[in-house]
Amino acid sequence: MKTEKQNSPERTKLCQLIQHLTITMMTTADKDGALVSRPMSPLLLDGDGSFWFFTDVRANKVKNINVINLNFIDSARATYVSIFGRGEIHTERSFIDRLWTPFAKPWFPEGPDSSNLALLKFMPDSAEYWDSSHCKMVRILAIAASVISGQPILMGEHQTLGKLSEQSRKIAAG
């Protein structure tokens, strides 16, 4: 995923946690309210804090983008990020061309000119993360100490980040 410079401490932290990850699980609710998840590959985290994905305009998820959750997992670093927000569809060909990658060709064989190709812009409102990315040995020792002492594991960082998108910042400002 390409990332642009973020202009808030919250978005900078979020970018640091996930910038090296290539897949997220995107969850939406279908028309009956059932949660549906699918793997997606983010193309860009832009300077406004929005994530951009290629999507097929015929896909069911496109009908249900008012509420979206993204989950990023980096089990090797013991970092977990859950991001809540909403989406919108964009069909601007120049932006599609700019973000085009040959890795999208299996889904869009006609390339960036595929008639069903669009961009899904995900605008985050808030995120929650758990980061225990310090040394694996420290995590193992902390777990062992927890088992022996019967006390909960106190390791890593857990935070909630709010007002991540420019739109949610404008709403909060009134």
Protein backbone atom coordinates (compact mmCIF):
# COMPACT_ATOMS: atom_id res chain seq x y z
CA MET A 1 0.00 0.00 0.00
CA LYS A 2 1.26 3.44 -0.86
CA THR A 3 0.97 5.98 1.91
CA GLU A 4 0.98 9.76 1.84
CA LYS A 5 2.15 11.97 4.69
CA GLN A 6 -0.50 12.17 7.40
CA ASN A 7 -1.28 15.51 9.08
CA SER A 8 -2.38 14.38 12.54
CA PRO A 9 -0.72 12.34 15.28
CA GLU A 10 -3.60 9.82 15.24
CA ARG A 11 -3.36 9.18 11.50
CA THR A 12 0.44 9.07 11.63
CA LYS A 13 0.25 6.36 14.31
CA LEU A 14 -2.32 4.42 12.28
CA CYS A 15 -0.12 4.66 9.18
CA GLN A 16 2.92 3.40 11.13
CA LEU A 17 0.97 0.38 12.37
CA ILE A 18 -0.35 -0.79 8.99
CA GLN A 19 1.73 0.73 6.17
CA HIS A 20 3.61 -2.52 5.50
CA LEU A 21 0.47 -4.71 5.41
CA THR A 22 -0.98 -5.67 2.04
CA ILE A 23 -4.32 -7.26 2.94
CA THR A 24 -7.19 -6.22 5.18
CA MET A 25 -10.47 -7.93 5.96
CA MET A 26 -13.29 -5.59 4.96
CA THR A 27 -16.59 -6.19 6.76
CA THR A 28 -19.94 -4.76 5.70
CA ALA A 29 -23.53 -5.61 6.60
CA ASP A 30 -25.71 -7.11 3.87
CA LYS A 31 -29.32 -6.08 3.23
CA ASP A 32 -30.49 -8.41 6.02
CA GLY A 33 -27.95 -7.07 8.52
CA ALA A 34 -25.64 -10.09 8.38
CA LEU A 35 -21.95 -9.27 8.57
CA VAL A 36 -19.97 -10.18 5.46
CA SER A 37 -16.17 -10.07 5.29
CA ARG A 38 -13.80 -10.35 2.39
CA PRO A 39 -10.04 -9.83 1.90
CA MET A 40 -9.15 -6.57 0.15
CA SER A 41 -5.86 -5.03 -0.84
CA PRO A 42 -5.60 -1.31 -0.07
CA LEU A 43 -3.93 0.70 -2.82
CA LEU A 44 -3.40 3.99 -1.03
CA LEU A 45 -3.73 5.69 2.34
CA ASP A 46 -4.05 9.28 1.15
CA GLY A 47 -3.06 12.45 2.97
CA ASP A 48 -6.66 12.96 4.15
CA GLY A 49 -6.61 9.59 5.95
CA SER A 50 -8.79 7.76 3.40
CA PHE A 51 -8.04 4.28 2.10
CA TRP A 52 -8.55 3.49 -1.59
CA PHE A 53 -9.41 0.07 -3.06
CA PHE A 54 -10.31 -1.23 -6.49
CA THR A 55 -13.77 -2.74 -6.63
CA ASP A 56 -16.25 -4.07 -9.14
CA VAL A 57 -19.32 -1.83 -9.32
CA ARG A 58 -21.48 -4.98 -9.56
CA ALA A 59 -20.20 -6.39 -6.24
CA ASN A 60 -22.65 -6.73 -3.35
CA LYS A 61 -20.33 -4.81 -1.01
CA VAL A 62 -20.84 -1.68 -3.15
CA LYS A 63 -24.50 -1.63 -2.09
CA ASN A 64 -23.56 -1.74 1.61
CA ILE A 65 -20.80 0.78 2.21
CA ASN A 66 -22.50 3.11 4.69
CA VAL A 67 -20.83 1.19 7.52
CA ILE A 68 -17.49 -0.58 6.99
CA ASN A 69 -14.94 -2.12 9.29
CA LEU A 70 -11.36 -2.89 8.23
CA ASN A 71 -9.23 -5.34 10.20
CA PHE A 72 -5.46 -5.49 9.77
CA ILE A 73 -3.51 -8.27 11.45
CA ASP A 74 0.24 -8.56 11.70
CA SER A 75 0.68 -11.73 13.73
CA ALA A 76 4.48 -11.69 13.33
CA ARG A 77 4.63 -8.33 15.13
CA ALA A 78 1.59 -8.98 17.35
CA THR A 79 -0.16 -5.87 16.04
CA TYR A 80 -3.92 -5.77 15.46
CA VAL A 81 -5.89 -2.82 14.07
CA SER A 82 -9.65 -2.41 13.64
CA ILE A 83 -10.89 0.67 11.76
CA PHE A 84 -14.49 1.84 11.58
CA GLY A 85 -15.82 4.16 8.87
CA ARG A 86 -17.86 4.46 5.71
CA GLY A 87 -17.28 4.31 2.00
CA GLU A 88 -18.16 5.89 -1.29
CA ILE A 89 -17.61 4.90 -4.91
CA HIS A 90 -15.49 6.92 -7.33
CA THR A 91 -15.17 6.33 -11.07
CA GLU A 92 -12.71 9.07 -12.05
CA ARG A 93 -10.62 7.39 -14.77
CA SER A 94 -7.51 9.52 -14.21
CA PHE A 95 -7.36 8.46 -10.55
CA ILE A 96 -8.00 4.81 -11.49
CA ASP A 97 -5.12 5.05 -13.99
CA ARG A 98 -2.88 6.59 -11.32
CA LEU A 99 -3.58 3.74 -8.87
CA TRP A 100 -3.59 0.92 -11.43
CA THR A 101 -1.36 -2.05 -10.70
CA PRO A 102 -0.87 -5.18 -12.81
CA PHE A 103 -1.80 -7.21 -9.69
CA ALA A 104 -5.43 -6.13 -10.28
CA LYS A 105 -5.53 -7.65 -13.77
CA PRO A 106 -6.91 -11.08 -12.66
CA TRP A 107 -10.04 -9.29 -11.40
CA PHE A 108 -10.13 -6.68 -14.18
CA PRO A 109 -8.70 -8.36 -17.32
CA GLU A 110 -9.38 -5.29 -19.46
CA GLY A 111 -7.03 -3.31 -17.25
CA PRO A 112 -7.78 0.19 -15.99
CA ASP A 113 -10.35 0.61 -18.78
CA SER A 114 -12.58 -2.21 -17.45
CA SER A 115 -16.14 -0.94 -17.52
CA ASN A 116 -16.92 -2.41 -14.08
CA LEU A 117 -13.81 -1.05 -12.37
CA ALA A 118 -14.29 1.65 -9.75
CA LEU A 119 -12.57 2.88 -6.62
CA LEU A 120 -13.96 2.37 -3.16
CA LYS A 121 -12.89 5.22 -0.91
CA PHE A 122 -12.98 4.23 2.77
CA MET A 123 -13.13 7.20 5.16
CA PRO A 124 -12.25 6.14 8.70
CA ASP A 125 -13.99 7.62 11.72
CA SER A 126 -12.14 5.78 14.46
CA ALA A 127 -9.66 2.97 15.00
CA GLU A 128 -8.65 0.72 17.81
CA TYR A 129 -5.32 -1.05 17.98
CA TRP A 130 -3.38 -3.49 20.09
CA ASP A 131 0.38 -3.34 19.62
CA SER A 132 2.68 -5.79 21.34
CA SER A 133 5.37 -5.47 18.71
CA HIS A 134 8.28 -5.56 21.12
CA CYS A 135 10.53 -8.59 21.14
CA LYS A 136 8.88 -11.98 20.77
CA MET A 137 10.89 -13.30 23.73
CA VAL A 138 9.46 -10.55 25.94
CA ARG A 139 5.92 -11.58 24.90
CA ILE A 140 6.66 -15.23 25.67
CA LEU A 141 8.08 -14.33 29.09
CA ALA A 142 5.06 -12.10 29.83
CA ILE A 143 2.69 -14.94 28.98
CA ALA A 144 4.67 -17.35 31.15
CA ALA A 145 4.65 -14.85 34.03
CA SER A 146 0.90 -14.41 33.62
CA VAL A 147 0.32 -18.17 33.74
CA ILE A 148 2.45 -18.54 36.88
CA SER A 149 1.03 -15.52 38.70
CA GLY A 150 -2.55 -15.94 37.56
CA GLN A 151 -2.60 -12.23 36.65
CA PRO A 152 -3.63 -10.81 33.27
CA ILE A 153 -0.94 -10.08 30.72
CA LEU A 154 0.07 -6.45 30.90
CA MET A 155 2.10 -5.93 27.78
CA GLY A 156 1.84 -3.83 24.71
CA GLU A 157 -0.21 -0.80 23.91
CA HIS A 158 -3.99 -0.53 23.41
CA GLN A 159 -5.48 2.74 22.19
CA THR A 160 -8.53 4.13 20.45
CA LEU A 161 -7.94 6.78 17.79
CA GLY A 162 -10.82 9.08 16.87
CA LYS A 163 -11.64 11.70 14.25
CA LEU A 164 -9.40 10.10 11.62
CA SER A 165 -10.94 11.43 8.41
CA GLU A 166 -11.20 15.04 7.36
CA GLN A 167 -14.99 14.62 7.20
CA SER A 168 -15.25 13.40 10.81
CA ARG A 169 -13.00 16.28 11.91
CA LYS A 170 -15.34 18.78 10.18
CA ILE A 171 -18.42 17.19 11.79
CA ALA A 172 -16.82 17.34 15.25
CA ALA A 173 -15.84 20.99 14.72
CA GLY A 174 -19.47 21.85 14.03
